[in-house]
Amino acid sequence: MIGIGRLGSITKIVDKIIRKDRPADCAFLAMINSASKSIKMVVQDFGPVSFPGTKIPLPGLIWPKPYLTAIAHAIWRRDVVVNIILSNAGSTPSDLGLADGAYGNGWSCVDVAAEIVKLIRKNYSGLEDDSLREKVTRNLRICFIRREKGETTYDGVKSIGLHSKHFIIDDTCFYIGSQNLYYCDLAEWGVIVDNVAKTKDVLTEYWNPLWRTSYTPNDCDMNSVMRSTNIDREYSKSKIKDHQISSRTMAGLQRGYSTIDPHFYSE
């Protein structure tokens, strides 16, 4: 077992000089980059926290390009099969509202897949659409978490949320802990369990039944993915104006994310 963590934005308070150290982030990249066969993920989201009811990130929040780029390389260069289970978009715990606490930042499976495809194109120039589509269709599957009979809600009303931060590499090791794959510059802690027998237990008792219950190709239709790779999913002031989001609303939502500095997450 390998313990990994990060202090995140606490370093701004502890140190007079801002440190860039985010060791757990480096460990995540090392694990993804080591994959030669498969990556299996059960995570809350990849897309940044957004204004409720929109796909507009809060100012300063961005997509986790280093993680997504590592996944893109795994798919294209090493032919790794990537299966991802996400929280249903906009799910909330208990009776909280979207502005109070969400178990899903509003992004669809198509959105996440399209951002990965963008990075394959960016890193491998001259790709033909047919070969790219074929590879991604074969190697990338993303779905929302489901109950039995394919249900995405409890009793047909409450959307099913997911708060896991868990992934398995090559069916030989896995991470479990507190750190999300979308960016949120908090202090985090988790463990990597590098043991084939224990990973097999996790696959048998957790991943395999969850994937059987949750997966449907309808969540991530590749025609929709390829058509949406030209969509800009980053923050911009013009999008805020188009949606008429008030400065008061913006200030309230940003309060919990004011310590996040995208400087740490640049490519």
C-alpha atoms as a PDB file:
ATOM      1  CA  MET A   1       0.000   0.000   0.000  1.00  0.00           C
ATOM      2  CA  ILE A   2       1.285   3.440  -0.980  1.00  0.00           C
ATOM      3  CA  GLY A   3      -0.125   6.495   0.753  1.00  0.00           C
ATOM      4  CA  ILE A   4      -0.491   9.569  -1.454  1.00  0.00           C
ATOM      5  CA  GLY A   5      -1.767  13.042  -0.657  1.00  0.00           C
ATOM      6  CA  ARG A   6      -1.576  16.753  -1.299  1.00  0.00           C
ATOM      7  CA  LEU A   7      -1.936  19.933   0.735  1.00  0.00           C
ATOM      8  CA  GLY A   8      -3.547  21.862  -2.123  1.00  0.00           C
ATOM      9  CA  SER A   9      -4.368  25.472  -1.423  1.00  0.00           C
ATOM     10  CA  ILE A  10      -3.404  25.047   2.244  1.00  0.00           C
ATOM     11  CA  THR A  11       0.146  25.759   1.058  1.00  0.00           C
ATOM     12  CA  LYS A  12      -0.940  29.333   0.351  1.00  0.00           C
ATOM     13  CA  ILE A  13      -1.791  29.732   4.012  1.00  0.00           C
ATOM     14  CA  VAL A  14       1.163  27.825   5.436  1.00  0.00           C
ATOM     15  CA  ASP A  15       3.838  29.326   3.199  1.00  0.00           C
ATOM     16  CA  LYS A  16       4.561  32.919   2.354  1.00  0.00           C
ATOM     17  CA  ILE A  17       5.813  31.634  -1.008  1.00  0.00           C
ATOM     18  CA  ILE A  18       3.267  29.590  -2.934  1.00  0.00           C
ATOM     19  CA  ARG A  19       4.444  26.054  -3.526  1.00  0.00           C
ATOM     20  CA  LYS A  20       3.433  24.058  -6.557  1.00  0.00           C
ATOM     21  CA  ASP A  21       3.728  20.667  -4.859  1.00  0.00           C
ATOM     22  CA  ARG A  22       0.780  18.399  -5.643  1.00  0.00           C
ATOM     23  CA  PRO A  23       2.343  14.914  -5.206  1.00  0.00           C
ATOM     24  CA  ALA A  24      -0.899  12.954  -5.404  1.00  0.00           C
ATOM     25  CA  ASP A  25      -1.602  14.536  -8.802  1.00  0.00           C
ATOM     26  CA  CYS A  26       1.765  13.264 -10.003  1.00  0.00           C
ATOM     27  CA  ALA A  27       0.925   9.795  -8.680  1.00  0.00           C
ATOM     28  CA  PHE A  28      -2.379   9.797 -10.594  1.00  0.00           C
ATOM     29  CA  LEU A  29      -0.535  10.665 -13.802  1.00  0.00           C
ATOM     30  CA  ALA A  30       2.074   7.986 -13.165  1.00  0.00           C
ATOM     31  CA  MET A  31      -0.648   5.364 -12.726  1.00  0.00           C
ATOM     32  CA  ILE A  32      -2.553   6.368 -15.867  1.00  0.00           C
ATOM     33  CA  ASN A  33       0.673   6.558 -17.886  1.00  0.00           C
ATOM     34  CA  SER A  34       1.664   3.076 -16.696  1.00  0.00           C
ATOM     35  CA  ALA A  35      -1.525   1.437 -18.010  1.00  0.00           C
ATOM     36  CA  SER A  36      -0.906  -1.073 -20.788  1.00  0.00           C
ATOM     37  CA  LYS A  37      -4.266  -2.883 -20.950  1.00  0.00           C
ATOM     38  CA  SER A  38      -7.108  -1.232 -19.086  1.00  0.00           C
ATOM     39  CA  ILE A  39      -8.231   1.730 -16.981  1.00  0.00           C
ATOM     40  CA  LYS A  40     -11.447   1.425 -14.991  1.00  0.00           C
ATOM     41  CA  MET A  41     -12.765   4.518 -13.185  1.00  0.00           C
ATOM     42  CA  VAL A  42     -15.664   5.249 -10.838  1.00  0.00           C
ATOM     43  CA  VAL A  43     -15.515   9.003 -10.322  1.00  0.00           C
ATOM     44  CA  GLN A  44     -17.875  11.870  -9.615  1.00  0.00           C
ATOM     45  CA  ASP A  45     -16.939  13.938 -12.667  1.00  0.00           C
ATOM     46  CA  PHE A  46     -14.138  15.253 -14.877  1.00  0.00           C
ATOM     47  CA  GLY A  47     -15.693  18.544 -15.915  1.00  0.00           C
ATOM     48  CA  PRO A  48     -15.246  21.619 -13.696  1.00  0.00           C
ATOM     49  CA  VAL A  49     -17.821  22.867 -11.191  1.00  0.00           C
ATOM     50  CA  SER A  50     -20.285  24.993 -13.142  1.00  0.00           C
ATOM     51  CA  PHE A  51     -23.068  27.493 -12.651  1.00  0.00           C
ATOM     52  CA  PRO A  52     -26.187  25.446 -11.764  1.00  0.00           C
ATOM     53  CA  GLY A  53     -28.258  24.506 -14.785  1.00  0.00           C
ATOM     54  CA  THR A  54     -25.519  25.458 -17.252  1.00  0.00           C
ATOM     55  CA  LYS A  55     -22.336  24.078 -18.732  1.00  0.00           C
ATOM     56  CA  ILE A  56     -20.366  27.199 -17.861  1.00  0.00           C
ATOM     57  CA  PRO A  57     -17.463  26.594 -15.435  1.00  0.00           C
ATOM     58  CA  LEU A  58     -17.027  28.932 -12.505  1.00  0.00           C
ATOM     59  CA  PRO A  59     -14.305  31.537 -13.191  1.00  0.00           C
ATOM     60  CA  GLY A  60     -10.863  30.029 -12.671  1.00  0.00           C
ATOM     61  CA  LEU A  61     -12.016  26.417 -13.009  1.00  0.00           C
ATOM     62  CA  ILE A  62     -10.832  24.372 -15.968  1.00  0.00           C
ATOM     63  CA  TRP A  63     -10.872  20.817 -17.341  1.00  0.00           C
ATOM     64  CA  PRO A  64      -8.087  18.559 -15.973  1.00  0.00           C
ATOM     65  CA  LYS A  65      -6.042  18.503 -19.176  1.00  0.00           C
ATOM     66  CA  PRO A  66      -3.052  16.544 -17.764  1.00  0.00           C
ATOM     67  CA  TYR A  67      -5.287  13.639 -16.664  1.00  0.00           C
ATOM     68  CA  LEU A  68      -7.332  13.688 -19.862  1.00  0.00           C
ATOM     69  CA  THR A  69      -4.171  13.918 -21.982  1.00  0.00           C
ATOM     70  CA  ALA A  70      -2.744  10.870 -20.204  1.00  0.00           C
ATOM     71  CA  ILE A  71      -5.974   8.995 -20.956  1.00  0.00           C
ATOM     72  CA  ALA A  72      -5.816  10.155 -24.585  1.00  0.00           C
ATOM     73  CA  HIS A  73      -2.262   8.805 -24.934  1.00  0.00           C
ATOM     74  CA  ALA A  74      -3.278   5.513 -23.327  1.00  0.00           C
ATOM     75  CA  ILE A  75      -6.124   5.049 -25.805  1.00  0.00           C
ATOM     76  CA  TRP A  76      -4.306   6.069 -28.972  1.00  0.00           C
ATOM     77  CA  ARG A  77      -0.680   5.114 -28.384  1.00  0.00           C
ATOM     78  CA  ARG A  78      -1.027   1.981 -26.225  1.00  0.00           C
ATOM     79  CA  ASP A  79      -4.490   0.728 -27.240  1.00  0.00           C
ATOM     80  CA  VAL A  80      -5.672   0.766 -23.617  1.00  0.00           C
ATOM     81  CA  VAL A  81      -9.383   0.143 -22.995  1.00  0.00           C
ATOM     82  CA  VAL A  82     -10.847   2.888 -20.778  1.00  0.00           C
ATOM     83  CA  ASN A  83     -14.165   2.352 -18.988  1.00  0.00           C
ATOM     84  CA  ILE A  84     -15.558   5.180 -16.836  1.00  0.00           C
ATOM     85  CA  ILE A  85     -18.640   5.397 -14.595  1.00  0.00           C
ATOM     86  CA  LEU A  86     -19.780   8.932 -13.709  1.00  0.00           C
ATOM     87  CA  SER A  87     -22.331  10.458 -11.366  1.00  0.00           C
ATOM     88  CA  ASN A  88     -25.562  11.427 -13.084  1.00  0.00           C
ATOM     89  CA  ALA A  89     -25.286  15.087 -14.066  1.00  0.00           C
ATOM     90  CA  GLY A  90     -26.654  17.499 -11.495  1.00  0.00           C
ATOM     91  CA  SER A  91     -27.292  14.941  -8.734  1.00  0.00           C
ATOM     92  CA  THR A  92     -27.403  16.335  -5.204  1.00  0.00           C
ATOM     93  CA  PRO A  93     -27.109  14.651  -1.809  1.00  0.00           C
ATOM     94  CA  SER A  94     -30.208  14.611   0.399  1.00  0.00           C
ATOM     95  CA  ASP A  95     -32.383  17.699  -0.172  1.00  0.00           C
ATOM     96  CA  LEU A  96     -29.573  20.109  -1.024  1.00  0.00           C
ATOM     97  CA  GLY A  97     -29.769  22.384  -4.043  1.00  0.00           C
ATOM     98  CA  LEU A  98     -27.209  22.481  -6.838  1.00  0.00           C
ATOM     99  CA  ALA A  99     -25.583  25.570  -5.372  1.00  0.00           C
ATOM    100  CA  ASP A 100     -25.215  23.873  -1.971  1.00  0.00           C
ATOM    101  CA  GLY A 101     -23.592  20.612  -2.983  1.00  0.00           C
ATOM    102  CA  ALA A 102     -23.655  18.564  -6.170  1.00  0.00           C
ATOM    103  CA  TYR A 103     -22.545  15.008  -6.896  1.00  0.00           C
ATOM    104  CA  GLY A 104     -22.077  15.828 -10.549  1.00  0.00           C
ATOM    105  CA  ASN A 105     -21.026  19.097 -12.129  1.00  0.00           C
ATOM    106  CA  GLY A 106     -23.540  19.065 -14.961  1.00  0.00           C
ATOM    107  CA  TRP A 107     -21.440  17.473 -17.717  1.00  0.00           C
ATOM    108  CA  SER A 108     -22.622  14.560 -19.827  1.00  0.00           C
ATOM    109  CA  CYS A 109     -20.719  11.430 -20.799  1.00  0.00           C
ATOM    110  CA  VAL A 110     -20.548  12.866 -24.324  1.00  0.00           C
ATOM    111  CA  ASP A 111     -18.908  16.039 -22.982  1.00  0.00           C
ATOM    112  CA  VAL A 112     -16.183  14.071 -21.195  1.00  0.00           C
ATOM    113  CA  ALA A 113     -15.540  11.795 -24.173  1.00  0.00           C
ATOM    114  CA  ALA A 114     -15.374  14.763 -26.553  1.00  0.00           C
ATOM    115  CA  GLU A 115     -12.726  16.466 -24.403  1.00  0.00           C
ATOM    116  CA  ILE A 116     -10.618  13.281 -24.545  1.00  0.00           C
ATOM    117  CA  VAL A 117     -11.039  13.038 -28.331  1.00  0.00           C
ATOM    118  CA  LYS A 118      -9.951  16.689 -28.657  1.00  0.00           C
ATOM    119  CA  LEU A 119      -6.703  15.863 -26.894  1.00  0.00           C
ATOM    120  CA  ILE A 120      -6.057  12.834 -29.107  1.00  0.00           C
ATOM    121  CA  ARG A 121      -6.396  15.122 -32.125  1.00  0.00           C
ATOM    122  CA  LYS A 122      -4.192  17.760 -30.534  1.00  0.00           C
ATOM    123  CA  ASN A 123      -1.363  15.343 -29.754  1.00  0.00           C
ATOM    124  CA  TYR A 124      -1.506  13.252 -32.947  1.00  0.00           C
ATOM    125  CA  SER A 125      -1.798  15.462 -35.983  1.00  0.00           C
ATOM    126  CA  GLY A 126      -3.112  14.289 -39.326  1.00  0.00           C
ATOM    127  CA  LEU A 127      -5.560  11.728 -37.945  1.00  0.00           C
ATOM    128  CA  GLU A 128      -8.358  10.645 -40.227  1.00  0.00           C
ATOM    129  CA  ASP A 129     -11.807  10.865 -38.664  1.00  0.00           C
ATOM    130  CA  ASP A 130     -12.654   7.268 -39.580  1.00  0.00           C
ATOM    131  CA  SER A 131      -9.597   5.800 -37.838  1.00  0.00           C
ATOM    132  CA  LEU A 132     -10.089   8.057 -34.822  1.00  0.00           C
ATOM    133  CA  ARG A 133     -13.752   7.126 -34.535  1.00  0.00           C
ATOM    134  CA  GLU A 134     -12.926   3.420 -34.837  1.00  0.00           C
ATOM    135  CA  LYS A 135     -10.261   3.546 -32.128  1.00  0.00           C
ATOM    136  CA  VAL A 136     -12.332   5.604 -29.697  1.00  0.00           C
ATOM    137  CA  THR A 137     -15.439   3.468 -30.243  1.00  0.00           C
ATOM    138  CA  ARG A 138     -13.405   0.360 -29.441  1.00  0.00           C
ATOM    139  CA  ASN A 139     -11.408   1.709 -26.509  1.00  0.00           C
ATOM    140  CA  LEU A 140     -13.510   4.337 -24.700  1.00  0.00           C
ATOM    141  CA  ARG A 141     -16.772   3.685 -22.858  1.00  0.00           C
ATOM    142  CA  ILE A 142     -18.354   6.195 -20.474  1.00  0.00           C
ATOM    143  CA  CYS A 143     -21.675   5.807 -18.671  1.00  0.00           C
ATOM    144  CA  PHE A 144     -23.701   7.141 -15.744  1.00  0.00           C
ATOM    145  CA  ILE A 145     -24.187   5.096 -12.583  1.00  0.00           C
ATOM    146  CA  ARG A 146     -27.403   3.067 -12.555  1.00  0.00           C
ATOM    147  CA  ARG A 147     -29.463   0.872 -10.283  1.00  0.00           C
ATOM    148  CA  GLU A 148     -31.008  -2.423 -11.262  1.00  0.00           C
ATOM    149  CA  LYS A 149     -33.064  -2.368 -14.473  1.00  0.00           C
ATOM    150  CA  GLY A 150     -31.017   0.555 -15.730  1.00  0.00           C
ATOM    151  CA  GLU A 151     -32.622   3.153 -13.476  1.00  0.00           C
ATOM    152  CA  THR A 152     -30.804   6.489 -13.011  1.00  0.00           C
ATOM    153  CA  THR A 153     -33.109   7.705 -10.224  1.00  0.00           C
ATOM    154  CA  TYR A 154     -34.389   6.565  -6.853  1.00  0.00           C
ATOM    155  CA  ASP A 155     -38.112   5.813  -7.124  1.00  0.00           C
ATOM    156  CA  GLY A 156     -38.243   7.688 -10.404  1.00  0.00           C
ATOM    157  CA  VAL A 157     -37.564  11.037  -8.712  1.00  0.00           C
ATOM    158  CA  LYS A 158     -34.140  11.611  -7.130  1.00  0.00           C
ATOM    159  CA  SER A 159     -31.183  11.423  -9.527  1.00  0.00           C
ATOM    160  CA  ILE A 160     -28.511   8.945  -8.412  1.00  0.00           C
ATOM    161  CA  GLY A 161     -25.295  10.652  -7.386  1.00  0.00           C
ATOM    162  CA  LEU A 162     -21.815   9.211  -7.082  1.00  0.00           C
ATOM    163  CA  HIS A 163     -19.105  10.453  -4.747  1.00  0.00           C
ATOM    164  CA  SER A 164     -16.424   7.843  -5.459  1.00  0.00           C
ATOM    165  CA  LYS A 165     -12.807   8.672  -6.257  1.00  0.00           C
ATOM    166  CA  HIS A 166     -11.616   5.280  -7.426  1.00  0.00           C
ATOM    167  CA  PHE A 167      -9.781   3.778 -10.377  1.00  0.00           C
ATOM    168  CA  ILE A 168      -8.122   0.498 -11.325  1.00  0.00           C
ATOM    169  CA  ILE A 169      -5.095   0.092 -13.590  1.00  0.00           C
ATOM    170  CA  ASP A 170      -4.527  -3.105 -15.612  1.00  0.00           C
ATOM    171  CA  ASP A 171      -6.551  -5.086 -13.029  1.00  0.00           C
ATOM    172  CA  THR A 172      -3.426  -5.144 -10.849  1.00  0.00           C
ATOM    173  CA  CYS A 173      -3.650  -2.045  -8.612  1.00  0.00           C
ATOM    174  CA  PHE A 174      -6.162   0.612  -7.601  1.00  0.00           C
ATOM    175  CA  TYR A 175      -6.572   3.989  -5.928  1.00  0.00           C
ATOM    176  CA  ILE A 176      -9.181   4.797  -3.314  1.00  0.00           C
ATOM    177  CA  GLY A 177      -9.294   8.050  -1.384  1.00  0.00           C
ATOM    178  CA  SER A 178     -10.692  11.559  -1.205  1.00  0.00           C
ATOM    179  CA  GLN A 179      -9.311  13.203  -4.353  1.00  0.00           C
ATOM    180  CA  ASN A 180     -11.630  13.965  -7.257  1.00  0.00           C
ATOM    181  CA  LEU A 181     -10.506  13.755 -10.872  1.00  0.00           C
ATOM    182  CA  TYR A 182     -12.025  17.156 -11.549  1.00  0.00           C
ATOM    183  CA  TYR A 183      -9.951  20.021 -10.165  1.00  0.00           C
ATOM    184  CA  CYS A 184     -10.685  21.190  -6.660  1.00  0.00           C
ATOM    185  CA  ASP A 185      -7.556  22.398  -4.906  1.00  0.00           C
ATOM    186  CA  LEU A 186      -8.182  20.827  -1.507  1.00  0.00           C
ATOM    187  CA  ALA A 187      -6.038  18.838   0.876  1.00  0.00           C
ATOM    188  CA  GLU A 188      -6.507  15.168  -0.018  1.00  0.00           C
ATOM    189  CA  TRP A 189      -5.424  11.702   1.065  1.00  0.00           C
ATOM    190  CA  GLY A 190      -5.734   8.214  -0.362  1.00  0.00           C
ATOM    191  CA  VAL A 191      -3.974   4.913  -0.908  1.00  0.00           C
ATOM    192  CA  ILE A 192      -2.764   2.928  -3.877  1.00  0.00           C
ATOM    193  CA  VAL A 193      -3.175  -0.803  -3.307  1.00  0.00           C
ATOM    194  CA  ASP A 194      -0.659  -2.568  -5.533  1.00  0.00           C
ATOM    195  CA  ASN A 195      -1.746  -6.183  -5.140  1.00  0.00           C
ATOM    196  CA  VAL A 196      -3.279  -8.429  -7.789  1.00  0.00           C
ATOM    197  CA  ALA A 197      -5.275 -10.570  -5.335  1.00  0.00           C
ATOM    198  CA  LYS A 198      -6.830  -7.574  -3.554  1.00  0.00           C
ATOM    199  CA  THR A 199      -7.558  -5.878  -6.874  1.00  0.00           C
ATOM    200  CA  LYS A 200      -9.332  -9.042  -8.019  1.00  0.00           C
ATOM    201  CA  ASP A 201     -11.502  -8.857  -4.890  1.00  0.00           C
ATOM    202  CA  VAL A 202     -12.436  -5.254  -5.747  1.00  0.00           C
ATOM    203  CA  LEU A 203     -13.252  -6.239  -9.330  1.00  0.00           C
ATOM    204  CA  THR A 204     -15.421  -9.154  -8.218  1.00  0.00           C
ATOM    205  CA  GLU A 205     -17.265  -7.429  -5.394  1.00  0.00           C
ATOM    206  CA  TYR A 206     -17.501  -3.862  -6.685  1.00  0.00           C
ATOM    207  CA  TRP A 207     -16.460  -2.937 -10.217  1.00  0.00           C
ATOM    208  CA  ASN A 208     -17.853  -5.857 -12.244  1.00  0.00           C
ATOM    209  CA  PRO A 209     -21.409  -5.782 -10.821  1.00  0.00           C
ATOM    210  CA  LEU A 210     -21.472  -1.971 -10.951  1.00  0.00           C
ATOM    211  CA  TRP A 211     -20.390  -1.937 -14.607  1.00  0.00           C
ATOM    212  CA  ARG A 212     -22.928  -4.630 -15.550  1.00  0.00           C
ATOM    213  CA  THR A 213     -25.706  -2.605 -13.940  1.00  0.00           C
ATOM    214  CA  SER A 214     -24.608   0.796 -15.201  1.00  0.00           C
ATOM    215  CA  TYR A 215     -23.203   0.446 -18.704  1.00  0.00           C
ATOM    216  CA  THR A 216     -25.230   1.299 -21.773  1.00  0.00           C
ATOM    217  CA  PRO A 217     -23.750   2.626 -25.040  1.00  0.00           C
ATOM    218  CA  ASN A 218     -26.587   5.158 -25.211  1.00  0.00           C
ATOM    219  CA  ASP A 219     -24.890   7.393 -22.611  1.00  0.00           C
ATOM    220  CA  CYS A 220     -21.946   8.043 -24.899  1.00  0.00           C
ATOM    221  CA  ASP A 221     -23.042   7.802 -28.511  1.00  0.00           C
ATOM    222  CA  MET A 222     -19.918   8.209 -30.624  1.00  0.00           C
ATOM    223  CA  ASN A 223     -21.720  10.079 -33.384  1.00  0.00           C
ATOM    224  CA  SER A 224     -22.678  12.703 -30.800  1.00  0.00           C
ATOM    225  CA  VAL A 225     -19.149  12.702 -29.406  1.00  0.00           C
ATOM    226  CA  MET A 226     -17.521  13.327 -32.780  1.00  0.00           C
ATOM    227  CA  ARG A 227     -20.034  16.054 -33.663  1.00  0.00           C
ATOM    228  CA  SER A 228     -19.400  17.882 -30.384  1.00  0.00           C
ATOM    229  CA  THR A 229     -15.601  18.042 -30.439  1.00  0.00           C
ATOM    230  CA  ASN A 230     -15.787  21.643 -31.712  1.00  0.00           C
ATOM    231  CA  ILE A 231     -17.731  22.854 -28.652  1.00  0.00           C
ATOM    232  CA  ASP A 232     -15.889  25.214 -26.304  1.00  0.00           C
ATOM    233  CA  ARG A 233     -16.518  23.995 -22.752  1.00  0.00           C
ATOM    234  CA  GLU A 234     -14.275  26.498 -20.978  1.00  0.00           C
ATOM    235  CA  TYR A 235     -15.294  29.575 -18.981  1.00  0.00           C
ATOM    236  CA  SER A 236     -15.727  32.918 -20.703  1.00  0.00           C
ATOM    237  CA  LYS A 237     -17.307  36.220 -19.659  1.00  0.00           C
ATOM    238  CA  SER A 238     -19.435  36.279 -22.786  1.00  0.00           C
ATOM    239  CA  LYS A 239     -21.154  33.041 -21.747  1.00  0.00           C
ATOM    240  CA  ILE A 240     -22.009  34.578 -18.389  1.00  0.00           C
ATOM    241  CA  LYS A 241     -23.644  37.545 -20.115  1.00  0.00           C
ATOM    242  CA  ASP A 242     -25.560  35.275 -22.497  1.00  0.00           C
ATOM    243  CA  HIS A 243     -27.070  33.402 -19.536  1.00  0.00           C
ATOM    244  CA  GLN A 244     -27.678  36.603 -17.546  1.00  0.00           C
ATOM    245  CA  ILE A 245     -25.923  35.311 -14.440  1.00  0.00           C
ATOM    246  CA  SER A 246     -25.791  38.074 -11.861  1.00  0.00           C
ATOM    247  CA  SER A 247     -22.645  39.202 -10.080  1.00  0.00           C
ATOM    248  CA  ARG A 248     -24.294  38.282  -6.760  1.00  0.00           C
ATOM    249  CA  THR A 249     -24.910  34.724  -7.894  1.00  0.00           C
ATOM    250  CA  MET A 250     -21.368  34.487  -9.212  1.00  0.00           C
ATOM    251  CA  ALA A 251     -19.893  35.748  -5.941  1.00  0.00           C
ATOM    252  CA  GLY A 252     -21.931  33.309  -3.880  1.00  0.00           C
ATOM    253  CA  LEU A 253     -20.949  30.299  -5.943  1.00  0.00           C
ATOM    254  CA  GLN A 254     -17.302  31.284  -6.118  1.00  0.00           C
ATOM    255  CA  ARG A 255     -16.990  31.633  -2.361  1.00  0.00           C
ATOM    256  CA  GLY A 256     -16.255  27.949  -1.878  1.00  0.00           C
ATOM    257  CA  TYR A 257     -13.760  27.856  -4.748  1.00  0.00           C
ATOM    258  CA  SER A 258     -11.948  31.143  -4.224  1.00  0.00           C
ATOM    259  CA  THR A 259      -8.670  29.457  -3.308  1.00  0.00           C
ATOM    260  CA  ILE A 260      -8.382  27.532  -6.557  1.00  0.00           C
ATOM    261  CA  ASP A 261      -5.626  28.831  -8.795  1.00  0.00           C
ATOM    262  CA  PRO A 262      -5.564  27.461 -12.370  1.00  0.00           C
ATOM    263  CA  HIS A 263      -1.831  28.189 -12.384  1.00  0.00           C
ATOM    264  CA  PHE A 264      -1.369  24.780 -10.747  1.00  0.00           C
ATOM    265  CA  TYR A 265      -3.306  23.028 -13.496  1.00  0.00           C
ATOM    266  CA  SER A 266      -1.750  24.476 -16.625  1.00  0.00           C
ATOM    267  CA  GLU A 267      -0.457  22.075 -19.240  1.00  0.00           C
END
